[in-house]
Amino acid sequence: MPEDFVIGAKLTELVDRMVKSYEAEPRTQHIDKLFLPSHGSIVQLCRDMLELVFPGFIGRQHLTKHNVAFHVGDLLPRIGESLFRQIYLCLCYVDEHEHGAKRNEPICKGKARSVTLDYLQQIPAIRDMLAGDVQAAFDGDPAALNLHEVILAYPGILAISIQRLAHALYQLDVPIMPRIMSEWVHNKTGIDIHPGARIGENFFIDHGTGVVIGETTEIGDNVKVYQGVTLGALSFPKDERGRVIREAKRHPTVCDHVTIYANAIILGGDTVIGEKSVIGGSVFVTSSVPPNSTVTIKPPELRLKQRGASAPPDPAPETSSDSMPDYMI
């Protein structure tokens, strides 16, 4: 059996070195500060709000029309209390970070209370949006057995559910918390949607892994996106001092009824994908596409060599230019 590990006499030395490293590198420590939101509490809030918007599927089961009001009456106050606490901490954190000792805790508390009430009022409308997303996933995936399977199993539904919940907080100018929510679901699903992205009704991410949707992206209604798609920034506009202008429109606009196939990359704040367009797999788009367009890359030549054959196979026939899509890149 190995001997028990004991630091012993070196403990004091190691503690001293660690504390000195905190003093030398303030960027990665949070000491002598009062306010910081709780990552664990925000993750639990995500789970509780999913239980609220998908009753009977997530969290408590065996709900009936006789006990569901009691269930919601128990769940909502818990959500509201935790939500208020985390919003308050986020607001105080920013105030402390930006103004040091000049803190306005009463102002933060009043704003947190107002924001919490406004946010809770939005949840029924968010739930209506999510019902459309679930239906779009079922309608768009022939492998889906039913709506229940979509809710319980599809990573795209989990990702858009948290994004819509986080986006409402983002719109209410709550700092930090929306990003913690979106990064939690990013870690679980591999789908990275910034809480600032504006996404219309009936949105479906098929498969989902590797999808990236940036902060200033705008997506219309009835849009379908496959795995590996990036809606990103072409460049970062900077001011005269070389600092990134964070308020600028950096990410593309995708209009209604657009389908974007796997691994397509669409970049730029001025890039608009017109309605009813189809973006093919693995394309790279940095300029706008008119409505009703199909964008693809020219397929590579496929060469086949059959082992042991006396003669090579006939070459594949050339594709007629009449059958090529509207836009080739």
C-alpha atoms as a PDB file:
ATOM      1  CA  MET A   1       0.000   0.000   0.000  1.00  0.00           C
ATOM      2  CA  PRO A   2       1.356   3.476  -0.820  1.00  0.00           C
ATOM      3  CA  GLU A   3       2.076   5.802   2.071  1.00  0.00           C
ATOM      4  CA  ASP A   4      -0.347   8.656   2.766  1.00  0.00           C
ATOM      5  CA  PHE A   5       0.657  11.841   1.005  1.00  0.00           C
ATOM      6  CA  VAL A   6       1.588  14.671   3.400  1.00  0.00           C
ATOM      7  CA  ILE A   7       2.781  18.127   2.351  1.00  0.00           C
ATOM      8  CA  GLY A   8       4.223  18.697   5.817  1.00  0.00           C
ATOM      9  CA  ALA A   9       6.802  21.423   6.184  1.00  0.00           C
ATOM     10  CA  LYS A  10       6.390  22.614   2.619  1.00  0.00           C
ATOM     11  CA  LEU A  11       2.755  23.641   3.197  1.00  0.00           C
ATOM     12  CA  THR A  12       3.602  27.113   4.487  1.00  0.00           C
ATOM     13  CA  GLU A  13       5.946  27.746   1.583  1.00  0.00           C
ATOM     14  CA  LEU A  14       3.373  26.606  -0.987  1.00  0.00           C
ATOM     15  CA  VAL A  15       0.602  28.702   0.553  1.00  0.00           C
ATOM     16  CA  ASP A  16       2.864  31.757   0.435  1.00  0.00           C
ATOM     17  CA  ARG A  17       3.725  31.143  -3.198  1.00  0.00           C
ATOM     18  CA  MET A  18       0.058  30.748  -4.154  1.00  0.00           C
ATOM     19  CA  VAL A  19      -0.982  33.959  -2.376  1.00  0.00           C
ATOM     20  CA  LYS A  20       1.868  35.853  -4.057  1.00  0.00           C
ATOM     21  CA  SER A  21       0.703  34.526  -7.426  1.00  0.00           C
ATOM     22  CA  TYR A  22      -2.764  35.943  -6.707  1.00  0.00           C
ATOM     23  CA  GLU A  23      -1.241  39.334  -5.942  1.00  0.00           C
ATOM     24  CA  ALA A  24       0.952  39.229  -9.044  1.00  0.00           C
ATOM     25  CA  GLU A  25      -1.845  38.221 -11.436  1.00  0.00           C
ATOM     26  CA  PRO A  26      -5.155  39.946 -10.577  1.00  0.00           C
ATOM     27  CA  ARG A  27      -6.843  38.969 -13.843  1.00  0.00           C
ATOM     28  CA  THR A  28      -7.583  35.439 -12.627  1.00  0.00           C
ATOM     29  CA  GLN A  29      -8.666  36.057  -9.042  1.00  0.00           C
ATOM     30  CA  HIS A  30     -11.720  37.601  -7.374  1.00  0.00           C
ATOM     31  CA  ILE A  31     -10.494  38.683  -3.939  1.00  0.00           C
ATOM     32  CA  ASP A  32     -11.634  41.626  -1.787  1.00  0.00           C
ATOM     33  CA  LYS A  33     -14.798  41.830  -3.875  1.00  0.00           C
ATOM     34  CA  LEU A  34     -18.348  41.480  -2.630  1.00  0.00           C
ATOM     35  CA  PHE A  35     -20.424  40.574  -5.669  1.00  0.00           C
ATOM     36  CA  LEU A  36     -20.319  37.722  -8.134  1.00  0.00           C
ATOM     37  CA  PRO A  37     -23.154  35.667  -9.679  1.00  0.00           C
ATOM     38  CA  SER A  38     -23.221  31.958  -8.905  1.00  0.00           C
ATOM     39  CA  HIS A  39     -22.567  29.679 -11.871  1.00  0.00           C
ATOM     40  CA  GLY A  40     -24.164  26.738 -10.057  1.00  0.00           C
ATOM     41  CA  SER A  41     -27.305  28.689  -9.168  1.00  0.00           C
ATOM     42  CA  ILE A  42     -27.703  29.907 -12.750  1.00  0.00           C
ATOM     43  CA  VAL A  43     -27.362  26.350 -14.095  1.00  0.00           C
ATOM     44  CA  GLN A  44     -30.050  25.217 -11.642  1.00  0.00           C
ATOM     45  CA  LEU A  45     -32.227  28.091 -12.840  1.00  0.00           C
ATOM     46  CA  CYS A  46     -31.849  26.797 -16.399  1.00  0.00           C
ATOM     47  CA  ARG A  47     -33.113  23.395 -15.278  1.00  0.00           C
ATOM     48  CA  ASP A  48     -35.986  24.904 -13.293  1.00  0.00           C
ATOM     49  CA  MET A  49     -37.088  27.104 -16.197  1.00  0.00           C
ATOM     50  CA  LEU A  50     -36.976  24.114 -18.571  1.00  0.00           C
ATOM     51  CA  GLU A  51     -39.275  22.336 -16.111  1.00  0.00           C
ATOM     52  CA  LEU A  52     -41.581  25.353 -16.231  1.00  0.00           C
ATOM     53  CA  VAL A  53     -41.787  25.544 -20.033  1.00  0.00           C
ATOM     54  CA  PHE A  54     -41.930  21.780 -20.640  1.00  0.00           C
ATOM     55  CA  PRO A  55     -44.167  20.546 -17.781  1.00  0.00           C
ATOM     56  CA  GLY A  56     -44.233  16.798 -17.304  1.00  0.00           C
ATOM     57  CA  PHE A  57     -41.217  16.238 -19.559  1.00  0.00           C
ATOM     58  CA  ILE A  58     -38.478  17.781 -17.409  1.00  0.00           C
ATOM     59  CA  GLY A  59     -38.381  17.624 -13.635  1.00  0.00           C
ATOM     60  CA  ARG A  60     -41.545  16.494 -11.883  1.00  0.00           C
ATOM     61  CA  GLN A  61     -43.604  13.941 -13.773  1.00  0.00           C
ATOM     62  CA  HIS A  62     -47.157  12.569 -13.379  1.00  0.00           C
ATOM     63  CA  LEU A  63     -48.703  16.028 -13.496  1.00  0.00           C
ATOM     64  CA  THR A  64     -52.473  16.227 -13.905  1.00  0.00           C
ATOM     65  CA  LYS A  65     -54.963  19.014 -14.541  1.00  0.00           C
ATOM     66  CA  HIS A  66     -55.765  18.829 -10.834  1.00  0.00           C
ATOM     67  CA  ASN A  67     -52.220  19.338  -9.491  1.00  0.00           C
ATOM     68  CA  VAL A  68     -50.488  21.340 -12.225  1.00  0.00           C
ATOM     69  CA  ALA A  69     -51.559  24.705 -10.772  1.00  0.00           C
ATOM     70  CA  PHE A  70     -50.101  23.695  -7.402  1.00  0.00           C
ATOM     71  CA  HIS A  71     -46.893  22.600  -9.145  1.00  0.00           C
ATOM     72  CA  VAL A  72     -46.516  25.915 -10.997  1.00  0.00           C
ATOM     73  CA  GLY A  73     -47.436  27.831  -7.850  1.00  0.00           C
ATOM     74  CA  ASP A  74     -44.584  26.079  -6.062  1.00  0.00           C
ATOM     75  CA  LEU A  75     -42.063  26.341  -8.911  1.00  0.00           C
ATOM     76  CA  LEU A  76     -42.566  29.963  -9.952  1.00  0.00           C
ATOM     77  CA  PRO A  77     -41.707  31.566  -6.591  1.00  0.00           C
ATOM     78  CA  ARG A  78     -38.529  29.484  -6.365  1.00  0.00           C
ATOM     79  CA  ILE A  79     -37.540  30.558  -9.859  1.00  0.00           C
ATOM     80  CA  GLY A  80     -38.419  34.174  -9.116  1.00  0.00           C
ATOM     81  CA  GLU A  81     -36.438  34.292  -5.880  1.00  0.00           C
ATOM     82  CA  SER A  82     -33.326  32.728  -7.405  1.00  0.00           C
ATOM     83  CA  LEU A  83     -33.657  34.822 -10.554  1.00  0.00           C
ATOM     84  CA  PHE A  84     -33.893  38.017  -8.527  1.00  0.00           C
ATOM     85  CA  ARG A  85     -30.842  37.056  -6.478  1.00  0.00           C
ATOM     86  CA  GLN A  86     -28.664  36.307  -9.513  1.00  0.00           C
ATOM     87  CA  ILE A  87     -29.779  39.392 -11.439  1.00  0.00           C
ATOM     88  CA  TYR A  88     -29.040  41.512  -8.362  1.00  0.00           C
ATOM     89  CA  LEU A  89     -25.568  39.984  -8.047  1.00  0.00           C
ATOM     90  CA  CYS A  90     -24.872  40.535 -11.769  1.00  0.00           C
ATOM     91  CA  LEU A  91     -25.883  44.186 -11.576  1.00  0.00           C
ATOM     92  CA  CYS A  92     -23.887  44.792  -8.381  1.00  0.00           C
ATOM     93  CA  TYR A  93     -20.887  42.985  -9.844  1.00  0.00           C
ATOM     94  CA  VAL A  94     -20.794  45.306 -12.859  1.00  0.00           C
ATOM     95  CA  ASP A  95     -21.277  48.357 -10.647  1.00  0.00           C
ATOM     96  CA  GLU A  96     -18.454  47.258  -8.339  1.00  0.00           C
ATOM     97  CA  HIS A  97     -16.193  46.309 -11.253  1.00  0.00           C
ATOM     98  CA  GLU A  98     -16.695  49.625 -13.054  1.00  0.00           C
ATOM     99  CA  HIS A  99     -16.888  52.007 -10.091  1.00  0.00           C
ATOM    100  CA  GLY A 100     -14.868  50.311  -7.351  1.00  0.00           C
ATOM    101  CA  ALA A 101     -16.019  51.371  -3.913  1.00  0.00           C
ATOM    102  CA  LYS A 102     -18.842  53.470  -5.344  1.00  0.00           C
ATOM    103  CA  ARG A 103     -21.686  50.968  -5.029  1.00  0.00           C
ATOM    104  CA  ASN A 104     -25.387  51.537  -5.542  1.00  0.00           C
ATOM    105  CA  GLU A 105     -26.846  48.434  -3.982  1.00  0.00           C
ATOM    106  CA  PRO A 106     -30.346  49.910  -3.427  1.00  0.00           C
ATOM    107  CA  ILE A 107     -30.500  50.941  -7.086  1.00  0.00           C
ATOM    108  CA  CYS A 108     -29.325  47.473  -8.172  1.00  0.00           C
ATOM    109  CA  LYS A 109     -31.913  45.848  -5.923  1.00  0.00           C
ATOM    110  CA  GLY A 110     -34.732  47.968  -7.317  1.00  0.00           C
ATOM    111  CA  LYS A 111     -33.686  47.307 -10.898  1.00  0.00           C
ATOM    112  CA  ALA A 112     -33.287  43.582 -10.210  1.00  0.00           C
ATOM    113  CA  ARG A 113     -36.813  43.408  -8.812  1.00  0.00           C
ATOM    114  CA  SER A 114     -38.253  45.238 -11.847  1.00  0.00           C
ATOM    115  CA  VAL A 115     -36.304  43.139 -14.348  1.00  0.00           C
ATOM    116  CA  THR A 116     -37.303  39.899 -12.629  1.00  0.00           C
ATOM    117  CA  LEU A 117     -41.004  40.769 -12.819  1.00  0.00           C
ATOM    118  CA  ASP A 118     -40.706  41.834 -16.473  1.00  0.00           C
ATOM    119  CA  TYR A 119     -38.856  38.642 -17.326  1.00  0.00           C
ATOM    120  CA  LEU A 120     -41.329  36.298 -15.648  1.00  0.00           C
ATOM    121  CA  GLN A 121     -44.126  37.949 -17.613  1.00  0.00           C
ATOM    122  CA  GLN A 122     -42.377  36.958 -20.847  1.00  0.00           C
ATOM    123  CA  ILE A 123     -42.128  33.228 -20.132  1.00  0.00           C
ATOM    124  CA  PRO A 124     -45.582  32.284 -21.540  1.00  0.00           C
ATOM    125  CA  ALA A 125     -44.664  33.938 -24.862  1.00  0.00           C
ATOM    126  CA  ILE A 126     -41.263  32.183 -24.863  1.00  0.00           C
ATOM    127  CA  ARG A 127     -43.074  28.901 -24.303  1.00  0.00           C
ATOM    128  CA  ASP A 128     -45.281  29.609 -27.342  1.00  0.00           C
ATOM    129  CA  MET A 129     -42.155  30.202 -29.444  1.00  0.00           C
ATOM    130  CA  LEU A 130     -40.660  26.934 -28.254  1.00  0.00           C
ATOM    131  CA  ALA A 131     -43.791  25.031 -29.242  1.00  0.00           C
ATOM    132  CA  GLY A 132     -43.197  26.235 -32.804  1.00  0.00           C
ATOM    133  CA  ASP A 133     -39.551  25.156 -32.626  1.00  0.00           C
ATOM    134  CA  VAL A 134     -40.575  21.665 -31.469  1.00  0.00           C
ATOM    135  CA  GLN A 135     -43.073  21.387 -34.314  1.00  0.00           C
ATOM    136  CA  ALA A 136     -40.481  22.576 -36.834  1.00  0.00           C
ATOM    137  CA  ALA A 137     -38.054  19.899 -35.621  1.00  0.00           C
ATOM    138  CA  PHE A 138     -40.669  17.178 -35.959  1.00  0.00           C
ATOM    139  CA  ASP A 139     -41.815  18.370 -39.384  1.00  0.00           C
ATOM    140  CA  GLY A 140     -38.229  18.744 -40.614  1.00  0.00           C
ATOM    141  CA  ASP A 141     -36.833  15.400 -39.479  1.00  0.00           C
ATOM    142  CA  PRO A 142     -38.328  12.196 -40.925  1.00  0.00           C
ATOM    143  CA  ALA A 143     -36.488  10.227 -38.221  1.00  0.00           C
ATOM    144  CA  ALA A 144     -38.513  11.856 -35.441  1.00  0.00           C
ATOM    145  CA  LEU A 145     -41.092   9.488 -33.958  1.00  0.00           C
ATOM    146  CA  ASN A 146     -43.230  12.170 -32.307  1.00  0.00           C
ATOM    147  CA  LEU A 147     -43.124  15.558 -30.606  1.00  0.00           C
ATOM    148  CA  HIS A 148     -42.309  13.990 -27.245  1.00  0.00           C
ATOM    149  CA  GLU A 149     -39.103  12.450 -28.591  1.00  0.00           C
ATOM    150  CA  VAL A 150     -38.100  15.848 -29.967  1.00  0.00           C
ATOM    151  CA  ILE A 151     -38.513  17.508 -26.556  1.00  0.00           C
ATOM    152  CA  LEU A 152     -36.776  14.764 -24.629  1.00  0.00           C
ATOM    153  CA  ALA A 153     -33.879  13.948 -26.941  1.00  0.00           C
ATOM    154  CA  TYR A 154     -33.038  16.630 -29.509  1.00  0.00           C
ATOM    155  CA  PRO A 155     -30.004  18.818 -28.650  1.00  0.00           C
ATOM    156  CA  GLY A 156     -31.222  21.555 -30.983  1.00  0.00           C
ATOM    157  CA  ILE A 157     -34.378  21.970 -28.899  1.00  0.00           C
ATOM    158  CA  LEU A 158     -32.377  22.200 -25.681  1.00  0.00           C
ATOM    159  CA  ALA A 159     -30.077  24.782 -27.284  1.00  0.00           C
ATOM    160  CA  ILE A 160     -32.829  27.011 -28.669  1.00  0.00           C
ATOM    161  CA  SER A 161     -34.836  26.706 -25.426  1.00  0.00           C
ATOM    162  CA  ILE A 162     -31.996  28.101 -23.331  1.00  0.00           C
ATOM    163  CA  GLN A 163     -31.128  30.668 -25.996  1.00  0.00           C
ATOM    164  CA  ARG A 164     -34.657  32.062 -26.012  1.00  0.00           C
ATOM    165  CA  LEU A 165     -34.700  32.193 -22.207  1.00  0.00           C
ATOM    166  CA  ALA A 166     -31.268  33.842 -22.144  1.00  0.00           C
ATOM    167  CA  HIS A 167     -32.135  36.250 -24.971  1.00  0.00           C
ATOM    168  CA  ALA A 168     -34.987  37.742 -22.944  1.00  0.00           C
ATOM    169  CA  LEU A 169     -32.524  38.531 -20.140  1.00  0.00           C
ATOM    170  CA  TYR A 170     -30.068  39.934 -22.687  1.00  0.00           C
ATOM    171  CA  GLN A 171     -32.794  42.231 -24.009  1.00  0.00           C
ATOM    172  CA  LEU A 172     -33.408  43.444 -20.451  1.00  0.00           C
ATOM    173  CA  ASP A 173     -29.705  44.422 -20.164  1.00  0.00           C
ATOM    174  CA  VAL A 174     -28.835  41.784 -17.575  1.00  0.00           C
ATOM    175  CA  PRO A 175     -25.044  41.268 -17.752  1.00  0.00           C
ATOM    176  CA  ILE A 176     -23.103  37.992 -17.472  1.00  0.00           C
ATOM    177  CA  MET A 177     -26.036  35.723 -16.635  1.00  0.00           C
ATOM    178  CA  PRO A 178     -27.307  35.188 -20.219  1.00  0.00           C
ATOM    179  CA  ARG A 179     -23.814  34.181 -21.331  1.00  0.00           C
ATOM    180  CA  ILE A 180     -23.439  31.703 -18.475  1.00  0.00           C
ATOM    181  CA  MET A 181     -26.734  30.145 -19.583  1.00  0.00           C
ATOM    182  CA  SER A 182     -25.734  29.903 -23.239  1.00  0.00           C
ATOM    183  CA  GLU A 183     -22.294  28.492 -22.449  1.00  0.00           C
ATOM    184  CA  TRP A 184     -23.814  25.856 -20.156  1.00  0.00           C
ATOM    185  CA  VAL A 185     -25.973  24.557 -23.000  1.00  0.00           C
ATOM    186  CA  HIS A 186     -23.048  24.936 -25.426  1.00  0.00           C
ATOM    187  CA  ASN A 187     -21.088  22.564 -23.204  1.00  0.00           C
ATOM    188  CA  LYS A 188     -23.962  20.067 -23.160  1.00  0.00           C
ATOM    189  CA  THR A 189     -24.879  20.119 -26.862  1.00  0.00           C
ATOM    190  CA  GLY A 190     -21.919  21.464 -28.857  1.00  0.00           C
ATOM    191  CA  ILE A 191     -24.224  24.213 -30.163  1.00  0.00           C
ATOM    192  CA  ASP A 192     -22.958  27.752 -29.545  1.00  0.00           C
ATOM    193  CA  ILE A 193     -25.671  30.414 -29.868  1.00  0.00           C
ATOM    194  CA  HIS A 194     -24.937  33.806 -28.374  1.00  0.00           C
ATOM    195  CA  PRO A 195     -27.830  35.105 -26.239  1.00  0.00           C
ATOM    196  CA  GLY A 196     -27.840  38.310 -28.275  1.00  0.00           C
ATOM    197  CA  ALA A 197     -28.785  36.573 -31.535  1.00  0.00           C
ATOM    198  CA  ARG A 198     -32.302  37.412 -32.728  1.00  0.00           C
ATOM    199  CA  ILE A 199     -34.071  34.258 -33.899  1.00  0.00           C
ATOM    200  CA  GLY A 200     -37.554  34.116 -35.415  1.00  0.00           C
ATOM    201  CA  GLU A 201     -40.280  31.510 -35.136  1.00  0.00           C
ATOM    202  CA  ASN A 202     -40.077  27.800 -36.020  1.00  0.00           C
ATOM    203  CA  PHE A 203     -36.295  27.509 -35.905  1.00  0.00           C
ATOM    204  CA  PHE A 204     -34.762  24.038 -36.325  1.00  0.00           C
ATOM    205  CA  ILE A 205     -31.156  22.941 -35.852  1.00  0.00           C
ATOM    206  CA  ASP A 206     -30.803  19.420 -37.264  1.00  0.00           C
ATOM    207  CA  HIS A 207     -28.108  17.264 -35.603  1.00  0.00           C
ATOM    208  CA  GLY A 208     -26.547  20.433 -34.256  1.00  0.00           C
ATOM    209  CA  THR A 209     -22.954  19.647 -33.284  1.00  0.00           C
ATOM    210  CA  GLY A 210     -20.582  22.472 -34.150  1.00  0.00           C
ATOM    211  CA  VAL A 211     -23.189  25.134 -34.964  1.00  0.00           C
ATOM    212  CA  VAL A 212     -21.998  28.667 -34.115  1.00  0.00           C
ATOM    213  CA  ILE A 213     -24.341  31.676 -34.220  1.00  0.00           C
ATOM    214  CA  GLY A 214     -22.857  35.039 -33.306  1.00  0.00           C
ATOM    215  CA  GLU A 215     -24.191  37.857 -31.153  1.00  0.00           C
ATOM    216  CA  THR A 216     -25.556  40.197 -33.840  1.00  0.00           C
ATOM    217  CA  THR A 217     -26.981  37.472 -36.083  1.00  0.00           C
ATOM    218  CA  GLU A 218     -30.574  37.981 -37.196  1.00  0.00           C
ATOM    219  CA  ILE A 219     -32.582  34.925 -38.281  1.00  0.00           C
ATOM    220  CA  GLY A 220     -36.088  35.069 -39.718  1.00  0.00           C
ATOM    221  CA  ASP A 221     -38.963  32.614 -39.451  1.00  0.00           C
ATOM    222  CA  ASN A 222     -38.939  28.978 -40.610  1.00  0.00           C
ATOM    223  CA  VAL A 223     -35.165  28.667 -40.947  1.00  0.00           C
ATOM    224  CA  LYS A 224     -33.439  25.271 -40.860  1.00  0.00           C
ATOM    225  CA  VAL A 225     -29.747  24.849 -40.058  1.00  0.00           C
ATOM    226  CA  TYR A 226     -27.635  21.690 -40.152  1.00  0.00           C
ATOM    227  CA  GLN A 227     -24.553  20.684 -38.159  1.00  0.00           C
ATOM    228  CA  GLY A 228     -21.307  22.589 -38.434  1.00  0.00           C
ATOM    229  CA  VAL A 229     -22.868  25.819 -39.726  1.00  0.00           C
ATOM    230  CA  THR A 230     -21.162  29.074 -38.728  1.00  0.00           C
ATOM    231  CA  LEU A 231     -22.909  32.437 -38.804  1.00  0.00           C
ATOM    232  CA  GLY A 232     -19.946  34.545 -37.839  1.00  0.00           C
ATOM    233  CA  ALA A 233     -18.066  37.808 -38.171  1.00  0.00           C
ATOM    234  CA  LEU A 234     -15.953  38.568 -41.223  1.00  0.00           C
ATOM    235  CA  SER A 235     -13.900  41.162 -39.373  1.00  0.00           C
ATOM    236  CA  PHE A 236     -14.087  43.232 -36.216  1.00  0.00           C
ATOM    237  CA  PRO A 237     -14.563  46.982 -36.784  1.00  0.00           C
ATOM    238  CA  LYS A 238     -12.299  49.073 -34.551  1.00  0.00           C
ATOM    239  CA  ASP A 239     -12.271  52.657 -33.319  1.00  0.00           C
ATOM    240  CA  GLU A 240      -9.417  55.145 -33.734  1.00  0.00           C
ATOM    241  CA  ARG A 241      -7.598  53.592 -30.758  1.00  0.00           C
ATOM    242  CA  GLY A 242      -7.734  50.104 -32.235  1.00  0.00           C
ATOM    243  CA  ARG A 243     -10.406  48.800 -29.849  1.00  0.00           C
ATOM    244  CA  VAL A 244     -13.164  46.527 -31.124  1.00  0.00           C
ATOM    245  CA  ILE A 245     -16.497  48.333 -31.585  1.00  0.00           C
ATOM    246  CA  ARG A 246     -18.753  45.869 -29.804  1.00  0.00           C
ATOM    247  CA  GLU A 247     -22.055  47.461 -30.778  1.00  0.00           C
ATOM    248  CA  ALA A 248     -21.459  47.082 -34.540  1.00  0.00           C
ATOM    249  CA  LYS A 249     -23.437  44.595 -36.654  1.00  0.00           C
ATOM    250  CA  ARG A 250     -20.813  41.890 -37.177  1.00  0.00           C
ATOM    251  CA  HIS A 251     -22.846  38.808 -38.104  1.00  0.00           C
ATOM    252  CA  PRO A 252     -25.127  37.958 -41.039  1.00  0.00           C
ATOM    253  CA  THR A 253     -28.865  38.270 -41.518  1.00  0.00           C
ATOM    254  CA  VAL A 254     -30.764  35.165 -42.609  1.00  0.00           C
ATOM    255  CA  CYS A 255     -34.252  35.845 -43.964  1.00  0.00           C
ATOM    256  CA  ASP A 256     -37.390  33.672 -43.773  1.00  0.00           C
ATOM    257  CA  HIS A 257     -37.603  30.099 -45.129  1.00  0.00           C
ATOM    258  CA  VAL A 258     -33.844  29.644 -45.620  1.00  0.00           C
ATOM    259  CA  THR A 259     -32.109  26.260 -45.363  1.00  0.00           C
ATOM    260  CA  ILE A 260     -28.382  26.115 -44.576  1.00  0.00           C
ATOM    261  CA  TYR A 261     -26.692  22.741 -45.050  1.00  0.00           C
ATOM    262  CA  ALA A 262     -23.835  21.200 -43.089  1.00  0.00           C
ATOM    263  CA  ASN A 263     -20.530  23.030 -42.583  1.00  0.00           C
ATOM    264  CA  ALA A 264     -21.563  26.152 -44.481  1.00  0.00           C
ATOM    265  CA  ILE A 265     -19.805  29.320 -43.298  1.00  0.00           C
ATOM    266  CA  ILE A 266     -21.595  32.658 -43.672  1.00  0.00           C
ATOM    267  CA  LEU A 267     -19.734  35.724 -42.461  1.00  0.00           C
ATOM    268  CA  GLY A 268     -20.191  39.465 -42.167  1.00  0.00           C
ATOM    269  CA  GLY A 269     -22.611  42.011 -40.773  1.00  0.00           C
ATOM    270  CA  ASP A 270     -23.549  43.237 -44.250  1.00  0.00           C
ATOM    271  CA  THR A 271     -24.252  39.727 -45.554  1.00  0.00           C
ATOM    272  CA  VAL A 272     -27.947  39.021 -46.111  1.00  0.00           C
ATOM    273  CA  ILE A 273     -29.264  35.629 -47.204  1.00  0.00           C
ATOM    274  CA  GLY A 274     -32.479  36.318 -49.082  1.00  0.00           C
ATOM    275  CA  GLU A 275     -35.696  34.523 -48.252  1.00  0.00           C
ATOM    276  CA  LYS A 276     -36.364  31.013 -49.561  1.00  0.00           C
ATOM    277  CA  SER A 277     -32.697  30.529 -50.434  1.00  0.00           C
ATOM    278  CA  VAL A 278     -30.730  27.311 -49.998  1.00  0.00           C
ATOM    279  CA  ILE A 279     -27.086  27.408 -48.908  1.00  0.00           C
ATOM    280  CA  GLY A 280     -25.323  24.193 -49.825  1.00  0.00           C
ATOM    281  CA  GLY A 281     -22.917  22.227 -47.683  1.00  0.00           C
ATOM    282  CA  SER A 282     -19.368  23.488 -47.078  1.00  0.00           C
ATOM    283  CA  VAL A 283     -19.806  26.768 -48.941  1.00  0.00           C
ATOM    284  CA  PHE A 284     -18.068  29.965 -47.810  1.00  0.00           C
ATOM    285  CA  VAL A 285     -20.268  33.065 -48.185  1.00  0.00           C
ATOM    286  CA  THR A 286     -19.156  36.628 -47.451  1.00  0.00           C
ATOM    287  CA  SER A 287     -21.572  38.609 -49.623  1.00  0.00           C
ATOM    288  CA  SER A 288     -25.333  38.853 -49.862  1.00  0.00           C
ATOM    289  CA  VAL A 289     -27.451  36.307 -51.700  1.00  0.00           C
ATOM    290  CA  PRO A 290     -30.697  37.327 -53.472  1.00  0.00           C
ATOM    291  CA  PRO A 291     -34.007  35.688 -52.526  1.00  0.00           C
ATOM    292  CA  ASN A 292     -34.888  32.294 -54.030  1.00  0.00           C
ATOM    293  CA  SER A 293     -31.239  31.414 -54.703  1.00  0.00           C
ATOM    294  CA  THR A 294     -29.304  28.182 -54.408  1.00  0.00           C
ATOM    295  CA  VAL A 295     -25.630  28.515 -53.482  1.00  0.00           C
ATOM    296  CA  THR A 296     -23.292  25.538 -53.891  1.00  0.00           C
ATOM    297  CA  ILE A 297     -19.664  24.776 -54.620  1.00  0.00           C
ATOM    298  CA  LYS A 298     -18.741  22.899 -57.767  1.00  0.00           C
ATOM    299  CA  PRO A 299     -18.383  19.201 -56.878  1.00  0.00           C
ATOM    300  CA  PRO A 300     -14.823  17.852 -57.153  1.00  0.00           C
ATOM    301  CA  GLU A 301     -14.045  15.312 -59.839  1.00  0.00           C
ATOM    302  CA  LEU A 302     -14.476  11.785 -58.511  1.00  0.00           C
ATOM    303  CA  ARG A 303     -11.970   9.263 -59.879  1.00  0.00           C
ATOM    304  CA  LEU A 304     -12.598   5.550 -59.405  1.00  0.00           C
ATOM    305  CA  LYS A 305     -10.110   2.749 -59.963  1.00  0.00           C
ATOM    306  CA  GLN A 306     -11.389  -0.801 -59.724  1.00  0.00           C
ATOM    307  CA  ARG A 307      -8.900  -3.326 -58.380  1.00  0.00           C
ATOM    308  CA  GLY A 308      -8.035  -6.119 -60.775  1.00  0.00           C
ATOM    309  CA  ALA A 309     -10.031  -4.613 -63.617  1.00  0.00           C
ATOM    310  CA  SER A 310      -8.558  -4.929 -67.126  1.00  0.00           C
ATOM    311  CA  ALA A 311      -9.776  -1.515 -68.137  1.00  0.00           C
ATOM    312  CA  PRO A 312     -10.569   1.663 -66.197  1.00  0.00           C
ATOM    313  CA  PRO A 313     -14.238   2.536 -65.764  1.00  0.00           C
ATOM    314  CA  ASP A 314     -15.818   5.073 -68.050  1.00  0.00           C
ATOM    315  CA  PRO A 315     -15.401   8.622 -66.822  1.00  0.00           C
ATOM    316  CA  ALA A 316     -18.418  10.237 -65.188  1.00  0.00           C
ATOM    317  CA  PRO A 317     -20.456  12.327 -67.618  1.00  0.00           C
ATOM    318  CA  GLU A 318     -19.975  16.047 -67.413  1.00  0.00           C
ATOM    319  CA  THR A 319     -22.740  18.027 -65.794  1.00  0.00           C
ATOM    320  CA  SER A 320     -24.636  20.266 -68.150  1.00  0.00           C
ATOM    321  CA  SER A 321     -24.403  23.944 -67.381  1.00  0.00           C
ATOM    322  CA  ASP A 322     -28.194  24.054 -67.681  1.00  0.00           C
ATOM    323  CA  SER A 323     -28.499  21.997 -64.472  1.00  0.00           C
ATOM    324  CA  MET A 324     -26.128  24.112 -62.389  1.00  0.00           C
ATOM    325  CA  PRO A 325     -27.617  26.092 -59.472  1.00  0.00           C
ATOM    326  CA  ASP A 326     -28.191  29.814 -59.508  1.00  0.00           C
ATOM    327  CA  TYR A 327     -24.991  30.776 -57.686  1.00  0.00           C
ATOM    328  CA  MET A 328     -21.675  28.947 -57.813  1.00  0.00           C
ATOM    329  CA  ILE A 329     -18.699  29.886 -55.671  1.00  0.00           C
END
